[in-house]
Amino acid sequence: MKRRFWKNKKGMSLVELIAVMAISVVVVGAAMTALYGSSRSTSDGAADYGNHSDAQLLEAWLHNNIPTAQHIAPGTGVPRGVAGYTLFFPSGTDGYFEIAKNGVSVLQVGGIRSFAVSTANVGLHQTFSYRITAESGGRTFVLSGGIVLNNIANATTPLIPSELIYTKTSTGYLVIS
């Protein structure tokens, strides 16, 4: 009885084997495409988060240091021998923004495309407005806000009357003391 069972059992034909292999290739290919796509978007998201957090680091520095500033002024050329903080794009660098105190680098922030500032009179005080434009992987995002200058009161005209925009090709800087 056992012999008859094994003799009558047929194996897979070549056509059936090729069909199974083709279906397997399609399923595995779809799975790999989904896996690769999610892996790439995860790494893009990590890069975006890194650059966004760098821009937030610059924004946090502004919120910590600008309210107590006693003087804010734009400068031209290269910031050498300037007392206080200077905010600028160093020449010859590839897109990082620098904050230096008395000529010594305090903070370097990557991924920044532009930094725009202005001040305005609001009541007895001045406000400092900023707009940080950063980029990552071809995508651009903007952080903006305003900060009250607590130590600069009763100014008759804004310290920076119109918006100044600093970019990678700018040769100017902002002095904060």
C-alpha atoms as a PDB file:
ATOM      1  CA  MET A   1       0.000   0.000   0.000  1.00  0.00           C
ATOM      2  CA  LYS A   2       2.783   2.392   0.818  1.00  0.00           C
ATOM      3  CA  ARG A   3       4.483   1.768  -2.488  1.00  0.00           C
ATOM      4  CA  ARG A   4       1.381   2.587  -4.461  1.00  0.00           C
ATOM      5  CA  PHE A   5       0.980   5.942  -2.628  1.00  0.00           C
ATOM      6  CA  TRP A   6       4.493   7.087  -3.464  1.00  0.00           C
ATOM      7  CA  LYS A   7       4.281   5.892  -7.027  1.00  0.00           C
ATOM      8  CA  ASN A   8       1.087   7.815  -7.790  1.00  0.00           C
ATOM      9  CA  LYS A   9       2.189  11.114  -6.215  1.00  0.00           C
ATOM     10  CA  LYS A  10       3.298  13.589  -8.840  1.00  0.00           C
ATOM     11  CA  GLY A  11       5.785  16.410  -8.310  1.00  0.00           C
ATOM     12  CA  MET A  12       5.500  20.039  -9.410  1.00  0.00           C
ATOM     13  CA  SER A  13       5.733  20.780 -13.061  1.00  0.00           C
ATOM     14  CA  LEU A  14       8.227  23.298 -14.432  1.00  0.00           C
ATOM     15  CA  VAL A  15       5.419  25.756 -15.263  1.00  0.00           C
ATOM     16  CA  GLU A  16       4.118  25.651 -11.680  1.00  0.00           C
ATOM     17  CA  LEU A  17       7.625  26.219 -10.322  1.00  0.00           C
ATOM     18  CA  ILE A  18       8.187  29.242 -12.609  1.00  0.00           C
ATOM     19  CA  ALA A  19       4.796  30.708 -11.603  1.00  0.00           C
ATOM     20  CA  VAL A  20       5.601  30.365  -7.886  1.00  0.00           C
ATOM     21  CA  MET A  21       9.037  31.953  -8.413  1.00  0.00           C
ATOM     22  CA  ALA A  22       7.528  34.880 -10.340  1.00  0.00           C
ATOM     23  CA  ILE A  23       4.964  35.564  -7.615  1.00  0.00           C
ATOM     24  CA  SER A  24       7.712  35.343  -4.969  1.00  0.00           C
ATOM     25  CA  VAL A  25       9.883  37.851  -6.828  1.00  0.00           C
ATOM     26  CA  VAL A  26       6.976  40.329  -7.072  1.00  0.00           C
ATOM     27  CA  VAL A  27       6.124  39.997  -3.355  1.00  0.00           C
ATOM     28  CA  VAL A  28       9.760  40.323  -2.218  1.00  0.00           C
ATOM     29  CA  GLY A  29      10.313  43.284  -4.590  1.00  0.00           C
ATOM     30  CA  ALA A  30       7.277  45.107  -3.182  1.00  0.00           C
ATOM     31  CA  ALA A  31       8.442  44.466   0.375  1.00  0.00           C
ATOM     32  CA  MET A  32      11.959  45.753  -0.385  1.00  0.00           C
ATOM     33  CA  THR A  33      10.581  48.880  -2.065  1.00  0.00           C
ATOM     34  CA  ALA A  34       8.429  49.642   0.972  1.00  0.00           C
ATOM     35  CA  LEU A  35      11.337  48.996   3.332  1.00  0.00           C
ATOM     36  CA  TYR A  36      13.770  51.149   1.332  1.00  0.00           C
ATOM     37  CA  GLY A  37      11.226  53.995   1.022  1.00  0.00           C
ATOM     38  CA  SER A  38      10.539  54.086   4.759  1.00  0.00           C
ATOM     39  CA  SER A  39      14.252  53.878   5.529  1.00  0.00           C
ATOM     40  CA  ARG A  40      14.959  56.851   3.264  1.00  0.00           C
ATOM     41  CA  SER A  41      12.136  58.950   4.698  1.00  0.00           C
ATOM     42  CA  THR A  42      13.378  58.116   8.208  1.00  0.00           C
ATOM     43  CA  SER A  43      16.884  59.333   7.391  1.00  0.00           C
ATOM     44  CA  ASP A  44      15.445  62.463   5.717  1.00  0.00           C
ATOM     45  CA  GLY A  45      13.341  63.076   8.817  1.00  0.00           C
ATOM     46  CA  ALA A  46      16.400  62.694  11.031  1.00  0.00           C
ATOM     47  CA  ALA A  47      18.330  65.202   8.910  1.00  0.00           C
ATOM     48  CA  ASP A  48      15.372  67.620   9.012  1.00  0.00           C
ATOM     49  CA  TYR A  49      15.169  67.247  12.769  1.00  0.00           C
ATOM     50  CA  GLY A  50      18.911  67.869  13.096  1.00  0.00           C
ATOM     51  CA  ASN A  51      18.806  71.062  11.053  1.00  0.00           C
ATOM     52  CA  HIS A  52      15.558  72.179  12.638  1.00  0.00           C
ATOM     53  CA  SER A  53      17.049  71.652  16.089  1.00  0.00           C
ATOM     54  CA  ASP A  54      20.124  73.671  15.024  1.00  0.00           C
ATOM     55  CA  ALA A  55      17.847  76.518  13.975  1.00  0.00           C
ATOM     56  CA  GLN A  56      15.988  76.155  17.280  1.00  0.00           C
ATOM     57  CA  LEU A  57      19.345  76.373  19.069  1.00  0.00           C
ATOM     58  CA  LEU A  58      19.932  79.753  17.402  1.00  0.00           C
ATOM     59  CA  GLU A  59      16.406  80.815  18.316  1.00  0.00           C
ATOM     60  CA  ALA A  60      16.945  79.755  21.951  1.00  0.00           C
ATOM     61  CA  TRP A  61      20.187  81.751  22.055  1.00  0.00           C
ATOM     62  CA  LEU A  62      18.306  84.834  20.842  1.00  0.00           C
ATOM     63  CA  HIS A  63      15.588  84.383  23.483  1.00  0.00           C
ATOM     64  CA  ASN A  64      18.197  83.994  26.229  1.00  0.00           C
ATOM     65  CA  ASN A  65      20.468  86.889  25.271  1.00  0.00           C
ATOM     66  CA  ILE A  66      18.480  89.528  23.385  1.00  0.00           C
ATOM     67  CA  PRO A  67      16.150  90.671  26.219  1.00  0.00           C
ATOM     68  CA  THR A  68      19.085  91.947  28.283  1.00  0.00           C
ATOM     69  CA  ALA A  69      20.954  93.605  25.410  1.00  0.00           C
ATOM     70  CA  GLN A  70      21.801  97.258  25.906  1.00  0.00           C
ATOM     71  CA  HIS A  71      22.811  97.939  22.329  1.00  0.00           C
ATOM     72  CA  ILE A  72      22.099  96.357  18.935  1.00  0.00           C
ATOM     73  CA  ALA A  73      23.607  97.631  15.701  1.00  0.00           C
ATOM     74  CA  PRO A  74      24.460  96.369  12.241  1.00  0.00           C
ATOM     75  CA  GLY A  75      28.068  96.286  11.069  1.00  0.00           C
ATOM     76  CA  THR A  76      29.660  95.980   7.653  1.00  0.00           C
ATOM     77  CA  GLY A  77      32.644  94.005   6.510  1.00  0.00           C
ATOM     78  CA  VAL A  78      34.263  91.314   8.624  1.00  0.00           C
ATOM     79  CA  PRO A  79      33.685  91.471  12.413  1.00  0.00           C
ATOM     80  CA  ARG A  80      37.198  91.937  13.819  1.00  0.00           C
ATOM     81  CA  GLY A  81      37.920  93.628  17.108  1.00  0.00           C
ATOM     82  CA  VAL A  82      34.237  94.077  17.905  1.00  0.00           C
ATOM     83  CA  ALA A  83      33.300  94.027  21.591  1.00  0.00           C
ATOM     84  CA  GLY A  84      30.202  92.058  22.535  1.00  0.00           C
ATOM     85  CA  TYR A  85      28.434  89.393  20.515  1.00  0.00           C
ATOM     86  CA  THR A  86      28.591  89.322  16.728  1.00  0.00           C
ATOM     87  CA  LEU A  87      26.152  87.291  14.632  1.00  0.00           C
ATOM     88  CA  PHE A  88      27.251  86.576  11.049  1.00  0.00           C
ATOM     89  CA  PHE A  89      27.943  84.120   8.247  1.00  0.00           C
ATOM     90  CA  PRO A  90      31.738  83.633   8.161  1.00  0.00           C
ATOM     91  CA  SER A  91      33.158  84.123   4.678  1.00  0.00           C
ATOM     92  CA  GLY A  92      34.409  81.022   2.938  1.00  0.00           C
ATOM     93  CA  THR A  93      32.159  78.644   4.886  1.00  0.00           C
ATOM     94  CA  ASP A  94      29.457  76.435   3.535  1.00  0.00           C
ATOM     95  CA  GLY A  95      26.314  77.658   5.182  1.00  0.00           C
ATOM     96  CA  TYR A  96      26.857  77.827   8.878  1.00  0.00           C
ATOM     97  CA  PHE A  97      25.932  80.807  10.965  1.00  0.00           C
ATOM     98  CA  GLU A  98      28.241  81.907  13.755  1.00  0.00           C
ATOM     99  CA  ILE A  99      27.875  83.765  17.028  1.00  0.00           C
ATOM    100  CA  ALA A 100      31.137  85.063  18.492  1.00  0.00           C
ATOM    101  CA  LYS A 101      31.829  86.969  21.691  1.00  0.00           C
ATOM    102  CA  ASN A 102      34.751  89.389  21.554  1.00  0.00           C
ATOM    103  CA  GLY A 103      36.028  87.560  18.461  1.00  0.00           C
ATOM    104  CA  VAL A 104      35.853  84.039  19.949  1.00  0.00           C
ATOM    105  CA  SER A 105      33.310  81.618  18.471  1.00  0.00           C
ATOM    106  CA  VAL A 106      30.533  80.742  20.912  1.00  0.00           C
ATOM    107  CA  LEU A 107      28.064  78.947  18.641  1.00  0.00           C
ATOM    108  CA  GLN A 108      28.107  77.658  15.066  1.00  0.00           C
ATOM    109  CA  VAL A 109      24.768  76.659  13.571  1.00  0.00           C
ATOM    110  CA  GLY A 110      24.516  74.663  10.342  1.00  0.00           C
ATOM    111  CA  GLY A 111      21.735  74.562   7.774  1.00  0.00           C
ATOM    112  CA  ILE A 112      20.885  78.274   8.044  1.00  0.00           C
ATOM    113  CA  ARG A 113      20.124  79.937   4.710  1.00  0.00           C
ATOM    114  CA  SER A 114      19.288  83.434   5.938  1.00  0.00           C
ATOM    115  CA  PHE A 115      18.824  85.447   9.121  1.00  0.00           C
ATOM    116  CA  ALA A 116      16.613  88.555   9.031  1.00  0.00           C
ATOM    117  CA  VAL A 117      16.271  91.095  11.864  1.00  0.00           C
ATOM    118  CA  SER A 118      14.571  94.392  12.609  1.00  0.00           C
ATOM    119  CA  THR A 119      13.503  96.416  15.629  1.00  0.00           C
ATOM    120  CA  ALA A 120      10.421  98.518  16.281  1.00  0.00           C
ATOM    121  CA  ASN A 121       9.137 100.868  18.978  1.00  0.00           C
ATOM    122  CA  VAL A 122       6.312  99.378  21.007  1.00  0.00           C
ATOM    123  CA  GLY A 123       5.222 101.602  23.836  1.00  0.00           C
ATOM    124  CA  LEU A 124       8.255 102.565  25.898  1.00  0.00           C
ATOM    125  CA  HIS A 125      10.337  99.615  24.707  1.00  0.00           C
ATOM    126  CA  GLN A 126      11.783  98.280  21.509  1.00  0.00           C
ATOM    127  CA  THR A 127      11.069  94.839  20.112  1.00  0.00           C
ATOM    128  CA  PHE A 128      13.546  92.717  18.227  1.00  0.00           C
ATOM    129  CA  SER A 129      12.015  90.669  15.407  1.00  0.00           C
ATOM    130  CA  TYR A 130      13.835  87.796  13.723  1.00  0.00           C
ATOM    131  CA  ARG A 131      13.254  85.326  10.923  1.00  0.00           C
ATOM    132  CA  ILE A 132      15.556  82.308  10.594  1.00  0.00           C
ATOM    133  CA  THR A 133      15.313  80.432   7.303  1.00  0.00           C
ATOM    134  CA  ALA A 134      16.918  76.991   7.316  1.00  0.00           C
ATOM    135  CA  GLU A 135      17.066  74.219   4.767  1.00  0.00           C
ATOM    136  CA  SER A 136      17.492  70.481   4.765  1.00  0.00           C
ATOM    137  CA  GLY A 137      17.393  68.048   1.866  1.00  0.00           C
ATOM    138  CA  GLY A 138      15.891  70.601  -0.480  1.00  0.00           C
ATOM    139  CA  ARG A 139      13.143  71.523   1.996  1.00  0.00           C
ATOM    140  CA  THR A 140      12.974  74.932   3.660  1.00  0.00           C
ATOM    141  CA  PHE A 141      11.475  75.923   7.010  1.00  0.00           C
ATOM    142  CA  VAL A 142      11.245  79.238   8.844  1.00  0.00           C
ATOM    143  CA  LEU A 143      11.378  80.138  12.536  1.00  0.00           C
ATOM    144  CA  SER A 144      10.291  83.655  13.433  1.00  0.00           C
ATOM    145  CA  GLY A 145       9.321  85.689  16.433  1.00  0.00           C
ATOM    146  CA  GLY A 146       9.789  88.838  18.429  1.00  0.00           C
ATOM    147  CA  ILE A 147      11.529  89.639  21.694  1.00  0.00           C
ATOM    148  CA  VAL A 148      11.091  92.675  23.943  1.00  0.00           C
ATOM    149  CA  LEU A 149      14.359  94.502  24.591  1.00  0.00           C
ATOM    150  CA  ASN A 150      14.080  95.086  28.345  1.00  0.00           C
ATOM    151  CA  ASN A 151      17.167  97.298  28.719  1.00  0.00           C
ATOM    152  CA  ILE A 152      16.508  99.637  25.802  1.00  0.00           C
ATOM    153  CA  ALA A 153      13.677 101.917  26.813  1.00  0.00           C
ATOM    154  CA  ASN A 154      12.490 105.321  25.619  1.00  0.00           C
ATOM    155  CA  ALA A 155      14.301 105.102  22.278  1.00  0.00           C
ATOM    156  CA  THR A 156      12.904 107.614  19.828  1.00  0.00           C
ATOM    157  CA  THR A 157      13.731 105.607  16.707  1.00  0.00           C
ATOM    158  CA  PRO A 158      14.141 101.880  16.153  1.00  0.00           C
ATOM    159  CA  LEU A 159      17.727 100.605  16.407  1.00  0.00           C
ATOM    160  CA  ILE A 160      17.312  98.745  13.116  1.00  0.00           C
ATOM    161  CA  PRO A 161      14.536 100.645  11.320  1.00  0.00           C
ATOM    162  CA  SER A 162      14.148  98.326   8.341  1.00  0.00           C
ATOM    163  CA  GLU A 163      14.635  94.599   8.008  1.00  0.00           C
ATOM    164  CA  LEU A 164      18.238  93.499   7.521  1.00  0.00           C
ATOM    165  CA  ILE A 165      18.770  90.147   5.853  1.00  0.00           C
ATOM    166  CA  TYR A 166      22.023  88.264   6.330  1.00  0.00           C
ATOM    167  CA  THR A 167      22.828  85.413   3.938  1.00  0.00           C
ATOM    168  CA  LYS A 168      25.809  83.209   3.109  1.00  0.00           C
ATOM    169  CA  THR A 169      27.033  85.879   0.679  1.00  0.00           C
ATOM    170  CA  SER A 170      26.555  88.811   3.083  1.00  0.00           C
ATOM    171  CA  THR A 171      29.582  90.721   4.325  1.00  0.00           C
ATOM    172  CA  GLY A 172      27.803  92.251   7.292  1.00  0.00           C
ATOM    173  CA  TYR A 173      27.134  91.298  10.871  1.00  0.00           C
ATOM    174  CA  LEU A 174      24.960  92.187  13.820  1.00  0.00           C
ATOM    175  CA  VAL A 175      26.514  93.470  17.075  1.00  0.00           C
ATOM    176  CA  ILE A 176      24.763  92.827  20.381  1.00  0.00           C
ATOM    177  CA  SER A 177      26.182  94.137  23.635  1.00  0.00           C
END
